[in-house]
Every structure is written in C-alpha cells, then in structure tokens.
Protein backbone atom coordinates (compact mmCIF):
# COMPACT_ATOMS: atom_id res chain seq x y z
CA MET A 1 8.79 32.91 38.94
CA THR A 2 8.00 35.86 36.71
CA SER A 3 8.68 34.91 33.09
CA ALA A 4 8.46 31.60 31.29
CA PRO A 5 11.64 29.50 31.25
CA PRO A 6 13.31 28.94 27.85
CA PRO A 7 11.59 26.33 25.64
CA GLY A 8 12.42 22.77 26.70
CA SER A 9 13.63 23.81 30.15
CA ALA A 10 12.17 23.81 33.65
CA GLU A 11 12.61 26.49 36.28
CA MET A 12 12.58 25.28 39.88
CA LEU A 13 12.25 27.29 43.05
CA PHE A 14 13.48 25.39 46.12
CA VAL A 15 10.99 26.25 48.86
CA GLY A 16 12.62 23.97 51.44
CA ASN A 17 12.66 20.34 52.61
CA ALA A 18 11.28 18.41 49.58
CA THR A 19 9.10 21.26 48.30
CA LEU A 20 9.84 22.52 44.81
CA LEU A 21 7.82 24.87 42.64
CA ILE A 22 8.43 23.70 39.07
CA ARG A 23 7.50 25.61 35.93
CA TYR A 24 7.75 24.14 32.45
CA GLY A 25 6.17 26.18 29.67
CA ASP A 26 2.52 26.69 30.59
CA LEU A 27 2.63 24.14 33.45
CA THR A 28 3.26 24.87 37.13
CA LEU A 29 3.73 21.99 39.60
CA LEU A 30 4.33 21.79 43.34
CA THR A 31 6.08 18.87 45.02
CA ASP A 32 5.57 17.58 48.58
CA PRO A 33 4.06 20.77 50.07
CA ASN A 34 5.55 21.60 53.48
CA PHE A 35 4.87 25.11 54.80
CA LEU A 36 5.37 24.70 58.54
CA HIS A 37 7.63 27.36 60.00
CA ARG A 38 10.74 27.09 62.14
CA GLY A 39 9.91 25.81 65.61
CA GLN A 40 6.71 24.05 64.53
CA TYR A 41 6.45 20.28 64.68
CA ALA A 42 5.69 17.85 61.85
CA TYR A 43 3.89 14.64 62.73
CA LEU A 44 5.71 11.62 61.33
CA GLY A 45 3.36 8.92 62.62
CA LYS A 46 3.37 6.43 65.51
CA GLY A 47 3.55 9.33 67.97
CA LEU A 48 6.80 10.70 66.53
CA LEU A 49 7.21 14.45 66.05
CA SER A 50 10.10 16.45 64.61
CA LYS A 51 10.79 20.19 64.93
CA ARG A 52 11.33 22.25 61.80
CA LEU A 53 14.68 24.05 61.94
CA ALA A 54 14.34 26.48 59.01
CA ASP A 55 11.53 28.54 57.53
CA PRO A 56 10.20 27.77 54.04
CA ALA A 57 11.09 30.29 51.37
CA LEU A 58 7.42 30.86 50.54
CA SER A 59 4.17 30.73 52.48
CA VAL A 60 1.27 28.79 51.06
CA GLY A 61 -0.46 32.11 50.37
CA GLU A 62 2.39 33.14 48.06
CA LEU A 63 1.92 30.21 45.67
CA PRO A 64 0.92 31.15 42.12
CA SER A 65 -2.79 31.07 41.40
CA ASP A 66 -2.30 29.01 38.23
CA LEU A 67 -0.94 25.92 40.02
CA ASP A 68 -1.74 22.84 37.91
CA ALA A 69 -1.04 19.96 40.29
CA VAL A 70 0.80 18.66 43.34
CA ILE A 71 3.19 15.72 42.99
CA LEU A 72 3.06 14.06 46.41
CA SER A 73 5.47 11.24 47.21
CA HIS A 74 3.70 10.09 50.38
CA LEU A 75 1.69 11.16 53.40
CA HIS A 76 4.15 12.27 56.05
CA GLY A 77 3.92 15.51 58.00
CA ASP A 78 7.07 16.95 56.44
CA HIS A 79 5.74 16.34 52.91
CA TRP A 80 2.03 17.06 53.33
CA ASP A 81 1.52 19.14 56.44
CA ARG A 82 -1.50 20.63 58.18
CA VAL A 83 -0.96 23.96 56.39
CA ALA A 84 -1.24 22.27 52.98
CA ARG A 85 -4.25 20.29 54.15
CA ARG A 86 -6.07 23.40 55.33
CA ARG A 87 -5.01 25.98 52.74
CA LEU A 88 -4.62 24.26 49.37
CA PRO A 89 -7.78 24.25 47.19
CA ARG A 90 -9.81 21.05 47.47
CA SER A 91 -10.15 21.05 43.67
CA LEU A 92 -6.37 21.00 43.07
CA PRO A 93 -5.19 17.85 41.22
CA ILE A 94 -2.81 15.73 43.32
CA VAL A 95 -0.80 12.87 41.83
CA THR A 96 0.29 10.48 44.55
CA THR A 97 0.20 6.92 45.87
CA PRO A 98 -3.09 4.97 46.04
CA HIS A 99 -2.81 5.03 49.85
CA ALA A 100 -2.48 8.81 49.97
CA SER A 101 -5.19 9.30 47.34
CA ARG A 102 -7.75 7.34 49.36
CA ARG A 103 -7.02 9.31 52.51
CA LEU A 104 -6.97 12.69 50.78
CA GLN A 105 -10.29 12.03 49.07
CA GLY A 106 -12.05 10.27 51.92
CA LEU A 107 -10.86 12.26 54.93
CA HIS A 108 -9.96 15.68 53.57
CA GLY A 109 -12.12 16.26 50.50
CA PHE A 110 -9.39 16.53 47.85
CA SER A 111 -11.63 15.12 45.14
CA ARG A 112 -9.00 15.18 42.37
CA ALA A 113 -6.33 13.16 44.16
CA THR A 114 -5.16 10.47 41.74
CA GLY A 115 -3.46 7.35 43.10
CA LEU A 116 -0.88 5.75 40.80
CA PRO A 117 0.25 2.15 41.29
CA THR A 118 3.94 1.63 40.54
CA TRP A 119 4.76 2.06 36.82
CA HIS A 120 1.36 3.58 36.06
CA ASP A 121 1.20 7.13 34.68
CA HIS A 122 -0.99 10.21 34.51
CA VAL A 123 -0.80 13.02 31.94
CA LEU A 124 -1.30 16.71 32.71
CA VAL A 125 -1.72 19.29 29.93
CA ARG A 126 -1.98 23.06 29.97
CA GLY A 127 -1.84 25.04 26.76
CA ARG A 128 1.11 23.87 24.71
CA SER A 129 2.83 22.00 27.54
CA GLN A 130 2.48 18.44 28.79
CA VAL A 131 3.95 16.32 31.58
CA ARG A 132 3.56 12.59 31.97
CA VAL A 133 3.95 11.56 35.61
CA THR A 134 4.93 7.91 36.16
CA ALA A 135 4.98 6.34 39.62
CA LEU A 136 8.32 4.67 40.35
CA PRO A 137 9.23 2.21 43.10
CA GLY A 138 10.40 3.49 46.46
CA ARG A 139 11.06 1.98 49.89
CA HIS A 140 10.87 4.22 52.95
CA GLY A 141 12.27 1.80 55.52
CA PRO A 142 14.39 -1.33 55.76
CA GLY A 143 12.87 -4.81 55.95
CA PRO A 144 9.52 -5.20 57.74
CA VAL A 145 9.81 -1.66 59.14
CA ARG A 146 8.63 -0.29 55.81
CA PHE A 147 5.13 -1.60 56.58
CA LEU A 148 4.96 0.76 59.56
CA LEU A 149 5.57 3.76 57.29
CA PRO A 150 3.25 5.19 54.63
CA PRO A 151 3.84 3.83 51.11
CA VAL A 152 6.13 6.09 49.08
CA MET A 153 6.62 6.58 45.37
CA GLY A 154 9.30 8.09 43.24
CA SER A 155 8.15 10.05 40.20
CA LEU A 156 9.33 10.33 36.61
CA LEU A 157 8.27 13.64 35.07
CA GLU A 158 8.51 13.70 31.28
CA PHE A 159 7.93 17.17 29.87
CA GLY A 160 7.25 18.16 26.28
CA ASP A 161 4.61 19.40 23.86
CA PRO A 162 1.23 17.60 23.83
CA GLY A 163 1.61 14.53 21.64
CA GLY A 164 5.27 15.35 20.98
CA PRO A 165 8.60 13.84 22.06
CA VAL A 166 9.97 14.14 25.59
CA ARG A 167 12.16 17.23 25.90
CA LEU A 168 13.06 17.02 29.61
CA ARG A 169 13.06 13.94 31.85
CA MET A 170 13.16 14.49 35.62
CA TYR A 171 13.28 11.89 38.39
CA ILE A 172 12.13 12.72 41.93
CA SER A 173 13.22 10.03 44.36
CA GLY A 174 10.74 10.53 47.18
CA ASP A 175 11.78 9.30 50.62
CA THR A 176 13.36 6.07 49.47
CA LEU A 177 16.35 4.06 50.57
CA MET A 178 18.64 2.21 48.22
CA PHE A 179 17.02 -1.13 47.33
CA PRO A 180 16.77 -3.36 44.22
CA GLY A 181 13.95 -1.24 42.78
CA VAL A 182 16.49 1.48 41.99
CA GLU A 183 18.21 -0.86 39.53
CA GLU A 184 14.84 -1.49 37.89
CA ILE A 185 14.39 2.27 37.49
CA ALA A 186 17.82 2.44 35.84
CA ARG A 187 16.82 -0.30 33.36
CA ARG A 188 13.46 1.24 32.46
CA CYS A 189 14.51 4.90 32.58
CA PRO A 190 17.98 5.01 31.06
CA ASP A 191 18.18 8.70 30.14
CA ILE A 192 17.34 10.91 33.13
CA HIS A 193 18.27 14.54 32.62
CA LEU A 194 17.84 15.62 36.26
CA ALA A 195 17.49 13.57 39.44
CA VAL A 196 16.02 15.29 42.50
CA VAL A 197 17.18 13.17 45.44
CA HIS A 198 15.72 13.19 48.95
CA LEU A 199 18.60 12.91 51.40
CA GLY A 200 19.07 13.81 55.07
CA GLY A 201 19.68 10.39 56.57
CA THR A 202 16.44 10.69 58.53
CA THR A 203 16.94 8.58 61.64
CA LEU A 204 14.17 7.31 63.91
CA PRO A 205 14.60 6.33 67.57
CA GLY A 206 16.98 3.40 67.86
CA GLY A 207 19.09 4.63 64.94
CA LEU A 208 16.76 3.36 62.20
CA LEU A 209 17.57 5.00 58.85
CA VAL A 210 14.47 5.78 56.75
CA THR A 211 15.79 8.21 54.11
CA MET A 212 19.04 8.12 52.19
CA ASP A 213 22.15 9.46 53.83
CA ALA A 214 25.03 10.88 51.77
CA PHE A 215 26.46 7.46 50.95
CA GLN A 216 23.17 5.90 49.82
CA GLY A 217 22.33 9.04 47.84
CA ALA A 218 25.65 8.85 46.00
CA ASP A 219 25.05 5.14 45.34
CA LEU A 220 21.60 5.87 43.88
CA VAL A 221 23.02 8.52 41.56
CA SER A 222 25.81 6.15 40.50
CA VAL A 223 23.21 3.53 39.54
CA LEU A 224 20.84 5.90 37.71
CA ARG A 225 23.57 8.06 36.14
CA PRO A 226 21.45 11.18 35.50
CA ARG A 227 23.12 14.08 33.75
CA ARG A 228 22.50 16.33 36.77
CA VAL A 229 21.49 15.82 40.39
CA LEU A 230 19.68 18.27 42.67
CA PRO A 231 19.84 17.41 46.40
CA VAL A 232 16.87 18.30 48.63
CA HIS A 233 15.46 17.17 52.00
CA TYR A 234 18.65 17.42 54.04
CA ASP A 235 18.50 19.92 56.92
CA ASP A 236 14.97 21.10 57.65
CA TYR A 237 14.17 18.78 60.57
CA GLY A 238 15.92 17.53 63.68
CA VAL A 239 15.59 13.89 62.62
CA MET A 240 17.90 14.54 59.65
CA LYS A 241 21.42 13.46 60.60
CA SER A 242 23.33 13.46 57.28
CA PRO A 243 24.23 17.01 56.14
CA LEU A 244 24.43 18.24 52.58
CA SER A 245 28.19 18.69 52.96
CA ASP A 246 28.62 14.91 53.29
CA PHE A 247 26.75 14.34 50.01
CA LEU A 248 28.75 17.02 48.22
CA ARG A 249 31.94 15.37 49.42
CA GLU A 250 30.78 12.08 47.87
CA THR A 251 29.89 13.75 44.57
CA ALA A 252 33.36 15.33 44.38
CA ARG A 253 35.05 11.94 44.20
CA PRO A 254 36.73 11.07 40.86
CA GLY A 255 34.43 9.33 38.41
CA PHE A 256 31.13 10.52 39.91
CA PRO A 257 28.76 10.35 36.93
CA SER A 258 26.59 13.45 37.41
CA GLY A 259 27.00 17.18 37.78
CA VAL A 260 25.51 18.70 40.93
CA VAL A 261 22.95 21.48 40.70
CA HIS A 262 23.40 23.83 43.65
CA CYS A 263 20.14 25.48 44.72
CA PRO A 264 19.92 26.84 48.28
CA ARG A 265 16.52 27.36 49.88
CA GLY A 266 14.74 30.32 48.33
CA GLU A 267 16.74 30.32 45.10
CA ARG A 268 15.85 29.18 41.59
CA VAL A 269 17.59 27.13 38.94
CA THR A 270 16.71 26.47 35.32
CA VAL A 271 17.70 23.19 33.68
CA ASP A 272 17.19 21.57 30.30
CA ALA A 273 18.15 18.21 28.82
CA ASN A 274 21.77 19.33 28.40
CA GLY A 275 22.35 20.58 31.91
CA LEU A 276 22.16 23.77 33.92
CA VAL A 277 20.79 26.78 32.05
CA GLY A 278 20.94 29.40 34.78
CA THR A 279 20.38 30.41 38.39
CA ALA A 280 18.58 33.26 40.12
CA GLY A 281 18.68 34.22 43.78
CA THR A 282 15.10 35.25 44.46
CA ALA A 283 11.96 33.61 45.77
CA ARG A 284 9.54 35.89 43.89
CA VAL A 285 6.74 34.08 42.05
C-alpha cells in the first residue's frame, strides 16, 4: 500500500487465510494475523494441528510501521499464530473477544488488548479518520461443541471522519456458522457495504463442520444482503474442505443479492459504499 485510497474508500491487501491489511484514510488495520509459512502447522486446540498449504503474501516484518490496531476474531492458531505472538509489538492495540483479551494481556503481555462483549464497540482515530468497531455475534461450532472452541466474534467496521457520518460499513464474519444471530445482525445492521466472509468448510475429525462451507456462506450473504462480498479463509489449511469455486458457483445463481469482490492472495482491492473502485496486483506496502 503506497498511496492513500480515495476519500471514503478502503484499500485491502489479502495476505492469506483471514488476514487482511486494511487502509482507510489515515488508519491502517490488520485482521486475524497469520504468518506461518507453507508446511508449518497451526495449533487449533485439543491436540489438533493443521498444515498450512500456501505461503502468506507478506511476512510479519513487511507490515507497515504505522499499524493502528489488530481486529482479532478469536484465538485459534490460524488467526493468531506464534509468529504474531512473538513478532507483533506488545503495545499494539488489539480489538477482540473478552476471552482473547484476557489471555493476550495475562499470558503474552499485549497490554492494549481490548475485549468487546457482543454489541459493544470501540473507536479508533488517527488524524482525520475514524473507525468504530462493534463486536457482532458468532458461533464457531454446532450445539454444545461450540463450548470446546474459543469464543468468536464478528466485527462491524464503520469508517468515516471523526464525529462525522459513516462513509463505509464493513462486516467481517469471523469463523462463524449460520445460526439465528445472523438474522439479528441483519436487523441491526441493515446497510452493509462490504461483507468479508470466512469460508472453507473447516472440518474436524468425525466430519464436524466449524466454519461455513459454500452453502452456508451463500445463505449468510442472502440474509445480510451486503452490496459486495469478499470471500476469505478457504484454502490455506488442510482442514478446509469447501473450495472457493463452490462458493462462486453459489453466488452465480440468479437472484443472488451481492456482487463478489475477487481478490486473490497477494492482491489488493479498493471499495467504497457504492461498490468496487479498483484492483491492483501487488503486495507492496
């Protein structure tokens, strides 16, 4: 990312998995930092490991020095890995779940980790740019299984000028499944400009689905009806069984409510409230 995106728009570099580098005006945000390389294993809890199948587009050392915050959906090894834990500055603000905040502060020394209960918000300001981050409901596993997984949140990012109206509204699903909370998001957040959806159909031993596959992802978009949808989290790890092609097939069906933003790993897209502004095929920051 070399020059500021047009006013009212956000430029996003897709690093890989669920990691995005987002720039809006003077603000720079990082989502779910995952910098393990191909062949390395992410720890998913309860003794489960998964091998990374593709390299990230950036190393942690290539991140911009003016990073304002991390938006972290939950504590899993493919969203907050050992590279992030060791290499990110301990003073970096992190907006996340209360569970993750307690662990990051108490065990790892990230003193500015802020835990947001569902529907609570936190405002970040730099210069003439502001983002309000609101924690949205998410459910990582079906039924009682969800209590064996770390709590997860979706995020609503509302960008604009400090004290001014919202100019760009972005939803990041986190590792959720379809559940009644998605309908509550649709009621409370009726005008989403861009939805970033975590897909992949992550499947645990025994066939247990813990992230949306193509069909659930299409259902979520049909409920929320964002203007645009950006798919992420679909092919980086061996536990992901639902390819991006399946989701794109669902979005091509007649009557699908949202346009799809195509952004391969290592490329950038710029979006505003009206849709896609532009694309660029480089991972330079």
